[in-house]
C-alpha atoms as a PDB file:
ATOM      1  CA  UNK A   1     -59.624  12.766  -0.387  1.00  0.00           C
ATOM      2  CA  UNK A   2     -56.290  14.597  -0.389  1.00  0.00           C
ATOM      3  CA  UNK A   3     -56.079  17.659  -2.602  1.00  0.00           C
ATOM      4  CA  UNK A   4     -53.005  17.190  -4.808  1.00  0.00           C
ATOM      5  CA  UNK A   5     -53.344  20.435  -6.728  1.00  0.00           C
ATOM      6  CA  UNK A   6     -50.220  22.568  -6.264  1.00  0.00           C
ATOM      7  CA  UNK A   7     -50.358  26.308  -5.818  1.00  0.00           C
ATOM      8  CA  UNK A   8     -47.769  29.052  -5.766  1.00  0.00           C
ATOM      9  CA  UNK A   9     -46.808  30.317  -2.340  1.00  0.00           C
ATOM     10  CA  UNK A  10     -48.698  33.578  -1.649  1.00  0.00           C
ATOM     11  CA  UNK A  11     -45.428  35.127  -0.474  1.00  0.00           C
ATOM     12  CA  UNK A  12     -43.597  34.192  -3.669  1.00  0.00           C
ATOM     13  CA  UNK A  13     -46.479  35.278  -5.888  1.00  0.00           C
ATOM     14  CA  UNK A  14     -46.806  38.633  -4.149  1.00  0.00           C
ATOM     15  CA  UNK A  15     -43.069  39.254  -4.237  1.00  0.00           C
ATOM     16  CA  UNK A  16     -42.726  38.301  -7.907  1.00  0.00           C
ATOM     17  CA  UNK A  17     -45.587  40.633  -8.796  1.00  0.00           C
ATOM     18  CA  UNK A  18     -44.319  43.533  -6.715  1.00  0.00           C
ATOM     19  CA  UNK A  19     -40.559  43.222  -7.207  1.00  0.00           C
ATOM     20  CA  UNK A  20     -40.266  42.211 -10.878  1.00  0.00           C
ATOM     21  CA  UNK A  21     -39.748  44.796 -13.599  1.00  0.00           C
ATOM     22  CA  UNK A  22     -38.513  44.922 -17.174  1.00  0.00           C
ATOM     23  CA  UNK A  23     -35.388  46.656 -18.448  1.00  0.00           C
ATOM     24  CA  UNK A  24     -37.691  48.716 -20.682  1.00  0.00           C
ATOM     25  CA  UNK A  25     -39.082  50.326 -17.515  1.00  0.00           C
ATOM     26  CA  UNK A  26     -35.722  52.005 -16.843  1.00  0.00           C
ATOM     27  CA  UNK A  27     -34.646  54.324 -19.693  1.00  0.00           C
ATOM     28  CA  UNK A  28     -31.231  55.879 -19.120  1.00  0.00           C
ATOM     29  CA  UNK A  29     -32.336  59.517 -19.100  1.00  0.00           C
ATOM     30  CA  UNK A  30     -35.021  58.840 -16.522  1.00  0.00           C
ATOM     31  CA  UNK A  31     -32.408  57.197 -14.318  1.00  0.00           C
ATOM     32  CA  UNK A  32     -30.041  60.115 -14.795  1.00  0.00           C
ATOM     33  CA  UNK A  33     -32.673  62.417 -13.308  1.00  0.00           C
ATOM     34  CA  UNK A  34     -33.128  60.039 -10.368  1.00  0.00           C
ATOM     35  CA  UNK A  35     -29.406  59.464  -9.871  1.00  0.00           C
ATOM     36  CA  UNK A  36     -28.604  62.678  -8.053  1.00  0.00           C
ATOM     37  CA  UNK A  37     -25.299  62.344  -6.185  1.00  0.00           C
ATOM     38  CA  UNK A  38     -25.338  58.537  -6.247  1.00  0.00           C
ATOM     39  CA  UNK A  39     -22.200  57.101  -7.821  1.00  0.00           C
ATOM     40  CA  UNK A  40     -22.571  54.030 -10.027  1.00  0.00           C
ATOM     41  CA  UNK A  41     -19.845  51.474 -10.696  1.00  0.00           C
ATOM     42  CA  UNK A  42     -19.971  48.648 -13.238  1.00  0.00           C
ATOM     43  CA  UNK A  43     -17.628  45.705 -12.649  1.00  0.00           C
ATOM     44  CA  UNK A  44     -16.804  42.949 -15.145  1.00  0.00           C
ATOM     45  CA  UNK A  45     -14.900  39.920 -13.807  1.00  0.00           C
ATOM     46  CA  UNK A  46     -12.955  38.527 -16.753  1.00  0.00           C
ATOM     47  CA  UNK A  47     -10.721  35.533 -17.357  1.00  0.00           C
ATOM     48  CA  UNK A  48      -9.582  35.016 -20.943  1.00  0.00           C
ATOM     49  CA  UNK A  49     -12.440  37.023 -22.448  1.00  0.00           C
ATOM     50  CA  UNK A  50     -10.553  39.004 -25.107  1.00  0.00           C
ATOM     51  CA  UNK A  51     -13.143  38.035 -27.726  1.00  0.00           C
ATOM     52  CA  UNK A  52     -16.067  39.747 -25.987  1.00  0.00           C
ATOM     53  CA  UNK A  53     -14.917  42.108 -23.229  1.00  0.00           C
ATOM     54  CA  UNK A  54     -13.979  44.950 -25.587  1.00  0.00           C
ATOM     55  CA  UNK A  55     -17.424  45.210 -27.172  1.00  0.00           C
ATOM     56  CA  UNK A  56     -19.122  45.204 -23.758  1.00  0.00           C
ATOM     57  CA  UNK A  57     -16.870  47.951 -22.408  1.00  0.00           C
ATOM     58  CA  UNK A  58     -17.257  50.042 -25.578  1.00  0.00           C
ATOM     59  CA  UNK A  59     -21.046  49.779 -25.437  1.00  0.00           C
ATOM     60  CA  UNK A  60     -21.211  50.866 -21.798  1.00  0.00           C
ATOM     61  CA  UNK A  61     -18.837  53.770 -22.397  1.00  0.00           C
ATOM     62  CA  UNK A  62     -20.643  55.002 -25.492  1.00  0.00           C
ATOM     63  CA  UNK A  63     -24.188  54.825 -24.134  1.00  0.00           C
ATOM     64  CA  UNK A  64     -23.858  55.195 -20.354  1.00  0.00           C
ATOM     65  CA  UNK A  65     -20.707  57.262 -19.862  1.00  0.00           C
ATOM     66  CA  UNK A  66     -20.353  59.557 -22.882  1.00  0.00           C
ATOM     67  CA  UNK A  67     -23.922  59.848 -24.217  1.00  0.00           C
ATOM     68  CA  UNK A  68     -25.757  59.703 -20.875  1.00  0.00           C
ATOM     69  CA  UNK A  69     -23.404  60.121 -17.870  1.00  0.00           C
ATOM     70  CA  UNK A  70     -25.031  57.433 -15.765  1.00  0.00           C
ATOM     71  CA  UNK A  71     -22.023  55.211 -15.017  1.00  0.00           C
ATOM     72  CA  UNK A  72     -19.227  56.866 -13.061  1.00  0.00           C
ATOM     73  CA  UNK A  73     -16.786  53.988 -12.999  1.00  0.00           C
ATOM     74  CA  UNK A  74     -16.181  51.058 -15.347  1.00  0.00           C
ATOM     75  CA  UNK A  75     -13.834  48.378 -14.020  1.00  0.00           C
ATOM     76  CA  UNK A  76     -12.637  45.107 -15.523  1.00  0.00           C
ATOM     77  CA  UNK A  77     -11.090  42.677 -13.048  1.00  0.00           C
ATOM     78  CA  UNK A  78      -8.428  40.631 -14.811  1.00  0.00           C
ATOM     79  CA  UNK A  79      -8.714  37.199 -13.203  1.00  0.00           C
ATOM     80  CA  UNK A  80      -5.305  35.759 -14.145  1.00  0.00           C
ATOM     81  CA  UNK A  81      -5.960  35.834 -17.874  1.00  0.00           C
ATOM     82  CA  UNK A  82      -3.410  34.324 -20.209  1.00  0.00           C
ATOM     83  CA  UNK A  83      -4.741  36.120 -23.300  1.00  0.00           C
ATOM     84  CA  UNK A  84      -5.127  39.836 -24.124  1.00  0.00           C
ATOM     85  CA  UNK A  85      -8.183  40.448 -21.947  1.00  0.00           C
ATOM     86  CA  UNK A  86      -6.530  43.269 -19.996  1.00  0.00           C
ATOM     87  CA  UNK A  87      -5.178  45.059 -23.052  1.00  0.00           C
ATOM     88  CA  UNK A  88      -8.433  44.809 -24.982  1.00  0.00           C
ATOM     89  CA  UNK A  89     -10.495  46.053 -22.023  1.00  0.00           C
ATOM     90  CA  UNK A  90      -8.151  48.965 -21.401  1.00  0.00           C
ATOM     91  CA  UNK A  91      -8.142  49.971 -25.064  1.00  0.00           C
ATOM     92  CA  UNK A  92     -11.952  49.965 -25.033  1.00  0.00           C
ATOM     93  CA  UNK A  93     -12.008  52.412 -22.125  1.00  0.00           C
ATOM     94  CA  UNK A  94     -12.194  50.382 -18.922  1.00  0.00           C
ATOM     95  CA  UNK A  95     -10.023  50.709 -15.875  1.00  0.00           C
ATOM     96  CA  UNK A  96      -8.374  47.305 -15.501  1.00  0.00           C
ATOM     97  CA  UNK A  97      -7.359  45.973 -12.110  1.00  0.00           C
ATOM     98  CA  UNK A  98      -5.676  42.753 -11.142  1.00  0.00           C
ATOM     99  CA  UNK A  99      -7.515  40.260  -8.958  1.00  0.00           C
ATOM    100  CA  UNK A 100      -4.240  39.274  -7.306  1.00  0.00           C
ATOM    101  CA  UNK A 101      -3.203  42.870  -6.692  1.00  0.00           C
ATOM    102  CA  UNK A 102      -6.487  43.697  -4.993  1.00  0.00           C
ATOM    103  CA  UNK A 103      -6.206  40.641  -2.714  1.00  0.00           C
ATOM    104  CA  UNK A 104      -2.479  40.874  -2.038  1.00  0.00           C
ATOM    105  CA  UNK A 105      -1.645  39.838   1.503  1.00  0.00           C
ATOM    106  CA  UNK A 106      -4.783  37.695   1.769  1.00  0.00           C
ATOM    107  CA  UNK A 107      -5.031  33.930   1.161  1.00  0.00           C
ATOM    108  CA  UNK A 108      -4.949  33.132  -2.550  1.00  0.00           C
ATOM    109  CA  UNK A 109      -8.354  31.960  -3.789  1.00  0.00           C
ATOM    110  CA  UNK A 110      -9.496  30.883  -7.221  1.00  0.00           C
ATOM    111  CA  UNK A 111     -12.700  31.226  -9.169  1.00  0.00           C
ATOM    112  CA  UNK A 112     -15.229  33.835 -10.168  1.00  0.00           C
ATOM    113  CA  UNK A 113     -16.318  34.730  -6.646  1.00  0.00           C
ATOM    114  CA  UNK A 114     -12.888  36.010  -5.710  1.00  0.00           C
ATOM    115  CA  UNK A 115     -12.757  38.181  -8.838  1.00  0.00           C
ATOM    116  CA  UNK A 116     -16.130  39.655  -7.885  1.00  0.00           C
ATOM    117  CA  UNK A 117     -14.876  40.380  -4.369  1.00  0.00           C
ATOM    118  CA  UNK A 118     -11.794  42.083  -5.817  1.00  0.00           C
ATOM    119  CA  UNK A 119     -14.041  44.158  -8.077  1.00  0.00           C
ATOM    120  CA  UNK A 120     -16.164  45.271  -5.155  1.00  0.00           C
ATOM    121  CA  UNK A 121     -13.001  46.210  -3.286  1.00  0.00           C
ATOM    122  CA  UNK A 122     -11.785  48.253  -6.255  1.00  0.00           C
ATOM    123  CA  UNK A 123     -15.081  50.001  -6.962  1.00  0.00           C
ATOM    124  CA  UNK A 124     -16.002  53.265  -5.281  1.00  0.00           C
ATOM    125  CA  UNK A 125     -19.642  53.586  -6.333  1.00  0.00           C
ATOM    126  CA  UNK A 126     -22.618  53.665  -3.978  1.00  0.00           C
ATOM    127  CA  UNK A 127     -24.315  51.224  -6.368  1.00  0.00           C
ATOM    128  CA  UNK A 128     -22.244  48.434  -7.889  1.00  0.00           C
ATOM    129  CA  UNK A 129     -23.415  46.397 -10.885  1.00  0.00           C
ATOM    130  CA  UNK A 130     -21.738  43.156 -11.953  1.00  0.00           C
ATOM    131  CA  UNK A 131     -21.858  41.987 -15.570  1.00  0.00           C
ATOM    132  CA  UNK A 132     -20.290  38.826 -17.008  1.00  0.00           C
ATOM    133  CA  UNK A 133     -17.604  39.467 -19.612  1.00  0.00           C
ATOM    134  CA  UNK A 134     -18.536  36.673 -22.047  1.00  0.00           C
ATOM    135  CA  UNK A 135     -21.812  38.167 -23.305  1.00  0.00           C
ATOM    136  CA  UNK A 136     -22.385  38.548 -27.037  1.00  0.00           C
ATOM    137  CA  UNK A 137     -24.625  41.191 -28.621  1.00  0.00           C
ATOM    138  CA  UNK A 138     -24.462  43.166 -25.383  1.00  0.00           C
ATOM    139  CA  UNK A 139     -26.867  46.090 -24.984  1.00  0.00           C
ATOM    140  CA  UNK A 140     -26.808  48.957 -22.451  1.00  0.00           C
ATOM    141  CA  UNK A 141     -30.157  47.906 -20.963  1.00  0.00           C
ATOM    142  CA  UNK A 142     -28.273  45.104 -19.194  1.00  0.00           C
ATOM    143  CA  UNK A 143     -26.880  47.848 -16.950  1.00  0.00           C
ATOM    144  CA  UNK A 144     -29.803  50.280 -16.804  1.00  0.00           C
ATOM    145  CA  UNK A 145     -32.222  47.463 -15.981  1.00  0.00           C
ATOM    146  CA  UNK A 146     -30.128  46.383 -13.000  1.00  0.00           C
ATOM    147  CA  UNK A 147     -29.546  49.801 -11.494  1.00  0.00           C
ATOM    148  CA  UNK A 148     -33.022  51.232 -12.200  1.00  0.00           C
ATOM    149  CA  UNK A 149     -34.771  49.932  -9.069  1.00  0.00           C
ATOM    150  CA  UNK A 150     -31.776  50.889  -6.906  1.00  0.00           C
ATOM    151  CA  UNK A 151     -31.726  54.486  -8.131  1.00  0.00           C
ATOM    152  CA  UNK A 152     -35.463  55.005  -7.790  1.00  0.00           C
ATOM    153  CA  UNK A 153     -36.490  52.977  -4.725  1.00  0.00           C
ATOM    154  CA  UNK A 154     -34.517  53.251  -1.473  1.00  0.00           C
ATOM    155  CA  UNK A 155     -36.186  50.097  -0.124  1.00  0.00           C
ATOM    156  CA  UNK A 156     -34.440  47.949  -2.772  1.00  0.00           C
ATOM    157  CA  UNK A 157     -30.941  46.747  -1.844  1.00  0.00           C
ATOM    158  CA  UNK A 158     -30.217  44.154  -4.533  1.00  0.00           C
ATOM    159  CA  UNK A 159     -31.430  43.459  -8.075  1.00  0.00           C
ATOM    160  CA  UNK A 160     -30.978  40.197  -9.982  1.00  0.00           C
ATOM    161  CA  UNK A 161     -31.266  39.944 -13.743  1.00  0.00           C
ATOM    162  CA  UNK A 162     -33.139  37.248 -15.642  1.00  0.00           C
ATOM    163  CA  UNK A 163     -33.468  36.519 -19.335  1.00  0.00           C
ATOM    164  CA  UNK A 164     -34.032  33.976 -22.068  1.00  0.00           C
ATOM    165  CA  UNK A 165     -30.899  31.879 -22.647  1.00  0.00           C
ATOM    166  CA  UNK A 166     -31.001  30.194 -26.074  1.00  0.00           C
ATOM    167  CA  UNK A 167     -29.023  26.966 -26.405  1.00  0.00           C
ATOM    168  CA  UNK A 168     -27.679  26.322 -29.884  1.00  0.00           C
ATOM    169  CA  UNK A 169     -27.305  22.617 -30.669  1.00  0.00           C
ATOM    170  CA  UNK A 170     -27.087  20.284 -33.630  1.00  0.00           C
ATOM    171  CA  UNK A 171     -30.880  19.991 -33.715  1.00  0.00           C
ATOM    172  CA  UNK A 172     -31.414  23.755 -33.738  1.00  0.00           C
ATOM    173  CA  UNK A 173     -31.974  26.454 -31.130  1.00  0.00           C
ATOM    174  CA  UNK A 174     -33.765  25.791 -27.851  1.00  0.00           C
ATOM    175  CA  UNK A 175     -35.093  29.164 -26.698  1.00  0.00           C
ATOM    176  CA  UNK A 176     -34.602  28.583 -22.964  1.00  0.00           C
ATOM    177  CA  UNK A 177     -32.232  25.638 -23.006  1.00  0.00           C
ATOM    178  CA  UNK A 178     -29.276  27.493 -21.543  1.00  0.00           C
ATOM    179  CA  UNK A 179     -30.239  27.323 -17.878  1.00  0.00           C
ATOM    180  CA  UNK A 180     -29.432  23.665 -17.312  1.00  0.00           C
ATOM    181  CA  UNK A 181     -27.688  23.968 -13.940  1.00  0.00           C
ATOM    182  CA  UNK A 182     -30.418  26.313 -12.742  1.00  0.00           C
ATOM    183  CA  UNK A 183     -33.203  23.852 -13.490  1.00  0.00           C
ATOM    184  CA  UNK A 184     -31.411  20.663 -12.470  1.00  0.00           C
ATOM    185  CA  UNK A 185     -29.593  21.850  -9.348  1.00  0.00           C
ATOM    186  CA  UNK A 186     -30.053  25.415  -8.118  1.00  0.00           C
ATOM    187  CA  UNK A 187     -33.825  25.737  -8.353  1.00  0.00           C
ATOM    188  CA  UNK A 188     -34.638  22.420  -6.644  1.00  0.00           C
ATOM    189  CA  UNK A 189     -32.200  23.156  -3.795  1.00  0.00           C
ATOM    190  CA  UNK A 190     -33.512  26.671  -3.225  1.00  0.00           C
ATOM    191  CA  UNK A 191     -37.130  25.518  -3.340  1.00  0.00           C
ATOM    192  CA  UNK A 192     -36.411  22.813  -0.790  1.00  0.00           C
ATOM    193  CA  UNK A 193     -34.554  24.868   1.787  1.00  0.00           C
ATOM    194  CA  UNK A 194     -35.114  28.556   0.968  1.00  0.00           C
ATOM    195  CA  UNK A 195     -38.579  28.601  -0.615  1.00  0.00           C
ATOM    196  CA  UNK A 196     -38.787  32.383  -0.252  1.00  0.00           C
ATOM    197  CA  UNK A 197     -36.289  32.557  -3.139  1.00  0.00           C
ATOM    198  CA  UNK A 198     -38.452  30.430  -5.438  1.00  0.00           C
ATOM    199  CA  UNK A 199     -39.657  33.508  -7.317  1.00  0.00           C
ATOM    200  CA  UNK A 200     -36.236  34.256  -8.803  1.00  0.00           C
ATOM    201  CA  UNK A 201     -36.327  33.249 -12.453  1.00  0.00           C
ATOM    202  CA  UNK A 202     -32.543  33.074 -12.832  1.00  0.00           C
ATOM    203  CA  UNK A 203     -30.929  32.562  -9.407  1.00  0.00           C
ATOM    204  CA  UNK A 204     -27.547  31.872 -11.056  1.00  0.00           C
ATOM    205  CA  UNK A 205     -27.587  34.909 -13.338  1.00  0.00           C
ATOM    206  CA  UNK A 206     -24.225  36.646 -13.575  1.00  0.00           C
ATOM    207  CA  UNK A 207     -25.806  40.073 -13.926  1.00  0.00           C
ATOM    208  CA  UNK A 208     -26.864  41.774 -10.693  1.00  0.00           C
ATOM    209  CA  UNK A 209     -26.419  44.995  -8.753  1.00  0.00           C
ATOM    210  CA  UNK A 210     -26.575  46.105  -5.162  1.00  0.00           C
ATOM    211  CA  UNK A 211     -25.861  48.850  -2.720  1.00  0.00           C
ATOM    212  CA  UNK A 212     -22.232  48.866  -1.679  1.00  0.00           C
ATOM    213  CA  UNK A 213     -23.042  49.068   2.025  1.00  0.00           C
ATOM    214  CA  UNK A 214     -25.042  45.843   1.710  1.00  0.00           C
ATOM    215  CA  UNK A 215     -22.693  43.928  -0.603  1.00  0.00           C
ATOM    216  CA  UNK A 216     -19.790  44.629   1.744  1.00  0.00           C
ATOM    217  CA  UNK A 217     -21.584  42.739   4.525  1.00  0.00           C
ATOM    218  CA  UNK A 218     -21.797  39.334   2.828  1.00  0.00           C
ATOM    219  CA  UNK A 219     -19.032  36.799   2.118  1.00  0.00           C
ATOM    220  CA  UNK A 220     -18.138  35.817  -1.454  1.00  0.00           C
ATOM    221  CA  UNK A 221     -17.777  32.117  -2.241  1.00  0.00           C
ATOM    222  CA  UNK A 222     -14.728  31.610  -4.413  1.00  0.00           C
ATOM    223  CA  UNK A 223     -16.189  29.275  -7.048  1.00  0.00           C
ATOM    224  CA  UNK A 224     -19.424  28.818  -8.967  1.00  0.00           C
ATOM    225  CA  UNK A 225     -21.463  28.905  -5.782  1.00  0.00           C
ATOM    226  CA  UNK A 226     -21.046  32.668  -5.435  1.00  0.00           C
ATOM    227  CA  UNK A 227     -24.477  33.579  -6.834  1.00  0.00           C
ATOM    228  CA  UNK A 228     -26.270  30.954  -4.750  1.00  0.00           C
ATOM    229  CA  UNK A 229     -24.522  32.027  -1.559  1.00  0.00           C
ATOM    230  CA  UNK A 230     -25.172  35.686  -2.258  1.00  0.00           C
ATOM    231  CA  UNK A 231     -28.926  35.203  -2.626  1.00  0.00           C
ATOM    232  CA  UNK A 232     -29.177  33.117   0.535  1.00  0.00           C
ATOM    233  CA  UNK A 233     -26.999  35.463   2.569  1.00  0.00           C
ATOM    234  CA  UNK A 234     -28.808  38.578   1.373  1.00  0.00           C
ATOM    235  CA  UNK A 235     -32.168  36.992   2.150  1.00  0.00           C
ATOM    236  CA  UNK A 236     -31.035  36.512   5.728  1.00  0.00           C
ATOM    237  CA  UNK A 237     -29.375  39.932   5.934  1.00  0.00           C
ATOM    238  CA  UNK A 238     -31.972  42.286   4.429  1.00  0.00           C
ATOM    239  CA  UNK A 239     -35.072  40.147   3.848  1.00  0.00           C
ATOM    240  CA  UNK A 240     -36.977  39.205   0.716  1.00  0.00           C
ATOM    241  CA  UNK A 241     -38.673  42.572   0.244  1.00  0.00           C
ATOM    242  CA  UNK A 242     -35.298  44.285  -0.246  1.00  0.00           C
ATOM    243  CA  UNK A 243     -34.519  41.980  -3.182  1.00  0.00           C
ATOM    244  CA  UNK A 244     -35.811  42.497  -6.717  1.00  0.00           C
ATOM    245  CA  UNK A 245     -35.403  41.102 -10.229  1.00  0.00           C
ATOM    246  CA  UNK A 246     -35.511  42.564 -13.724  1.00  0.00           C
ATOM    247  CA  UNK A 247     -36.186  41.020 -17.129  1.00  0.00           C
ATOM    248  CA  UNK A 248     -33.187  41.754 -19.370  1.00  0.00           C
ATOM    249  CA  UNK A 249     -34.566  40.085 -22.486  1.00  0.00           C
ATOM    250  CA  UNK A 250     -32.210  37.621 -24.166  1.00  0.00           C
ATOM    251  CA  UNK A 251     -28.690  36.696 -23.082  1.00  0.00           C
ATOM    252  CA  UNK A 252     -26.211  35.148 -25.504  1.00  0.00           C
ATOM    253  CA  UNK A 253     -22.933  33.695 -24.321  1.00  0.00           C
ATOM    254  CA  UNK A 254     -20.808  30.604 -24.691  1.00  0.00           C
ATOM    255  CA  UNK A 255     -21.992  27.360 -23.119  1.00  0.00           C
ATOM    256  CA  UNK A 256     -19.969  24.827 -21.189  1.00  0.00           C
ATOM    257  CA  UNK A 257     -19.966  21.101 -21.748  1.00  0.00           C
ATOM    258  CA  UNK A 258     -21.861  18.660 -19.542  1.00  0.00           C
ATOM    259  CA  UNK A 259     -18.822  17.672 -17.478  1.00  0.00           C
ATOM    260  CA  UNK A 260     -18.130  21.315 -16.635  1.00  0.00           C
ATOM    261  CA  UNK A 261     -21.759  21.802 -15.654  1.00  0.00           C
ATOM    262  CA  UNK A 262     -21.419  18.816 -13.334  1.00  0.00           C
ATOM    263  CA  UNK A 263     -18.495  20.463 -11.555  1.00  0.00           C
ATOM    264  CA  UNK A 264     -20.459  23.676 -11.312  1.00  0.00           C
ATOM    265  CA  UNK A 265     -23.418  21.824  -9.812  1.00  0.00           C
ATOM    266  CA  UNK A 266     -21.188  20.164  -7.240  1.00  0.00           C
ATOM    267  CA  UNK A 267     -19.921  23.548  -6.051  1.00  0.00           C
ATOM    268  CA  UNK A 268     -23.458  24.854  -5.779  1.00  0.00           C
ATOM    269  CA  UNK A 269     -24.409  21.825  -3.706  1.00  0.00           C
ATOM    270  CA  UNK A 270     -21.435  22.381  -1.395  1.00  0.00           C
ATOM    271  CA  UNK A 271     -22.380  26.040  -1.088  1.00  0.00           C
ATOM    272  CA  UNK A 272     -25.930  25.154  -0.084  1.00  0.00           C
ATOM    273  CA  UNK A 273     -24.551  22.624   2.407  1.00  0.00           C
ATOM    274  CA  UNK A 274     -22.390  25.320   4.026  1.00  0.00           C
ATOM    275  CA  UNK A 275     -25.433  27.564   4.497  1.00  0.00           C
ATOM    276  CA  UNK A 276     -27.448  24.692   5.946  1.00  0.00           C
ATOM    277  CA  UNK A 277     -24.649  24.077   8.434  1.00  0.00           C
ATOM    278  CA  UNK A 278     -24.716  27.704   9.521  1.00  0.00           C
ATOM    279  CA  UNK A 279     -28.427  27.413  10.201  1.00  0.00           C
ATOM    280  CA  UNK A 280     -27.879  24.243  12.227  1.00  0.00           C
ATOM    281  CA  UNK A 281     -29.852  22.096   9.796  1.00  0.00           C
ATOM    282  CA  UNK A 282     -26.989  19.621   9.349  1.00  0.00           C
ATOM    283  CA  UNK A 283     -24.425  18.373  11.828  1.00  0.00           C
ATOM    284  CA  UNK A 284     -21.566  20.861  12.307  1.00  0.00           C
ATOM    285  CA  UNK A 285     -19.035  18.038  12.168  1.00  0.00           C
ATOM    286  CA  UNK A 286     -20.374  16.442   9.000  1.00  0.00           C
ATOM    287  CA  UNK A 287     -18.299  17.481   6.015  1.00  0.00           C
ATOM    288  CA  UNK A 288     -19.250  16.301   2.516  1.00  0.00           C
ATOM    289  CA  UNK A 289     -16.574  15.036   0.157  1.00  0.00           C
ATOM    290  CA  UNK A 290     -15.115  17.688  -2.143  1.00  0.00           C
ATOM    291  CA  UNK A 291     -13.815  15.376  -4.864  1.00  0.00           C
ATOM    292  CA  UNK A 292     -16.009  14.732  -7.878  1.00  0.00           C
ATOM    293  CA  UNK A 293     -15.414  11.608  -9.953  1.00  0.00           C
ATOM    294  CA  UNK A 294     -16.394  11.807 -13.606  1.00  0.00           C
ATOM    295  CA  UNK A 295     -15.773   9.631 -16.650  1.00  0.00           C
ATOM    296  CA  UNK A 296     -14.323  10.583 -20.022  1.00  0.00           C
ATOM    297  CA  UNK A 297     -14.605   8.262 -22.992  1.00  0.00           C
ATOM    298  CA  UNK A 298     -11.422   7.071 -24.643  1.00  0.00           C
ATOM    299  CA  UNK A 299      -8.060   8.584 -23.825  1.00  0.00           C
ATOM    300  CA  UNK A 300      -4.660   7.057 -23.223  1.00  0.00           C
ATOM    301  CA  UNK A 301      -5.487   6.160 -19.631  1.00  0.00           C
ATOM    302  CA  UNK A 302      -8.811   4.444 -20.242  1.00  0.00           C
ATOM    303  CA  UNK A 303      -9.367   1.633 -17.769  1.00  0.00           C
ATOM    304  CA  UNK A 304      -9.990  -1.941 -18.908  1.00  0.00           C
ATOM    305  CA  UNK A 305     -13.684  -2.830 -19.271  1.00  0.00           C
ATOM    306  CA  UNK A 306     -14.671   0.819 -18.834  1.00  0.00           C
ATOM    307  CA  UNK A 307     -13.202   2.267 -22.028  1.00  0.00           C
ATOM    308  CA  UNK A 308     -13.172   5.515 -20.118  1.00  0.00           C
ATOM    309  CA  UNK A 309     -10.739   7.562 -18.116  1.00  0.00           C
ATOM    310  CA  UNK A 310     -11.585   8.418 -14.543  1.00  0.00           C
ATOM    311  CA  UNK A 311     -11.306  12.156 -13.975  1.00  0.00           C
ATOM    312  CA  UNK A 312     -11.307  13.435 -10.407  1.00  0.00           C
ATOM    313  CA  UNK A 313     -11.838  17.155  -9.751  1.00  0.00           C
ATOM    314  CA  UNK A 314     -11.522  19.134  -6.555  1.00  0.00           C
ATOM    315  CA  UNK A 315     -14.824  21.038  -6.263  1.00  0.00           C
ATOM    316  CA  UNK A 316     -14.223  22.407  -2.793  1.00  0.00           C
ATOM    317  CA  UNK A 317     -15.269  25.967  -2.072  1.00  0.00           C
ATOM    318  CA  UNK A 318     -13.656  28.694  -0.017  1.00  0.00           C
ATOM    319  CA  UNK A 319     -14.962  32.071   1.009  1.00  0.00           C
ATOM    320  CA  UNK A 320     -13.636  35.571   1.086  1.00  0.00           C
ATOM    321  CA  UNK A 321     -15.036  37.165   4.269  1.00  0.00           C
ATOM    322  CA  UNK A 322     -17.275  40.216   3.957  1.00  0.00           C
ATOM    323  CA  UNK A 323     -15.307  43.147   2.573  1.00  0.00           C
ATOM    324  CA  UNK A 324     -16.342  45.285   5.531  1.00  0.00           C
ATOM    325  CA  UNK A 325     -14.256  43.026   7.772  1.00  0.00           C
ATOM    326  CA  UNK A 326     -11.131  43.292   5.621  1.00  0.00           C
ATOM    327  CA  UNK A 327     -11.343  46.843   4.311  1.00  0.00           C
ATOM    328  CA  UNK A 328      -8.221  47.807   6.279  1.00  0.00           C
ATOM    329  CA  UNK A 329      -6.222  45.152   4.401  1.00  0.00           C
ATOM    330  CA  UNK A 330      -7.298  46.081   0.883  1.00  0.00           C
ATOM    331  CA  UNK A 331      -5.023  48.405  -1.155  1.00  0.00           C
ATOM    332  CA  UNK A 332      -6.155  52.008  -0.851  1.00  0.00           C
ATOM    333  CA  UNK A 333      -5.206  52.624  -4.455  1.00  0.00           C
ATOM    334  CA  UNK A 334      -6.231  50.311  -7.231  1.00  0.00           C
ATOM    335  CA  UNK A 335      -3.387  48.453  -8.862  1.00  0.00           C
ATOM    336  CA  UNK A 336      -3.675  48.094 -12.622  1.00  0.00           C
ATOM    337  CA  UNK A 337      -3.409  44.710 -14.287  1.00  0.00           C
END
C-alpha cells in the first residue's frame, strides 16, 4: 500500500532550523560592536507614499543613526511620485534620489524593481537593506533584524524578512490574511520548480538585505516579480546556505484589491516562466501572452449580457541587467529628486 503521508524535505527543514532567526536576536548595540568598518545603507523605494515614508525615515534616523550609529546611509528612491513623497522624506532626514536620474541613459522601465535597482546604484554601503515605504507602525527592528546575520556571519549573503500580515475586513481582522498572492501563486510555483526555497515563509516580502557585491550580480525584474526573481537568481548564484530569513513580527500596510493582486500574480508567473526558460525547462521560442483580461462590474462600457467591462492590462516584465554590468553607465554622483 502506498504511503501517502507527506513529510518536509530534510534540506528545507535543516535550512529553516539553521538559517531562521528572530529580530529580537539582533539588538542594535550588539550589531554596532560587530559592524566594524562595514558600511550599511537602507533604501526605501517610494511612489506616492507621503502618508507613511516620513515616519519610517524619522524612526530609522532617531534609533539607528543618531542614537546608535548603525546605519551610515538612508536613501529614499522617488519612483515618479505625483504627491509630496520626496519633500516629506527629505524633511524627515533621508537623502532622496530620483529613479529616472539614476537610470538616465538606460531604457526607461517601470515598476518597483527598477526603483530598487536605482537604489542599489545610489547606495554606497557594503550591506544594503531594502524596506517598503508603505509600512505603518514601523519599528527599528525591521532594519536590525535584516542586517544582523550579515554583520555577524560572513557566510550569509542575503536575508529575507517574514512576519504576520493582518488583513482587516468587514468581518474583522484575519491575523495572517495579508499574504494572498504568496499562498495562491508564489508558494505553489516555488515549491513546484525550486523546492529548495520552500522554507521561506514570505518569499514576496519587501524587506530584505544583502551584500552589495552579491546584489550587484543579479538582474532586477521591473515589476512585481522582482522578489521572486531575486530569490531564484540568488539561489543559483550563491546557494541555499548563503540565504537566511528573520522573523520581523507583525507588518501593517495598505492592501490592494483583488484585481490588482491578479495583475501582480500574472507578473510573478511570467517571472517564473523566464527563469524556467533560462534553465531550459520550457521551449526557448515559446513566449506566454503578456495581456491579462479581467472583468469589472458596471461602468459605462459594460458589454451586453455581461454587465461588466472588459479590462485588459499589460503585465509584461522587463529586466534591468545586473548592476555590475552597467556600473560604468550609472551617474557617479547621486542626483536628488
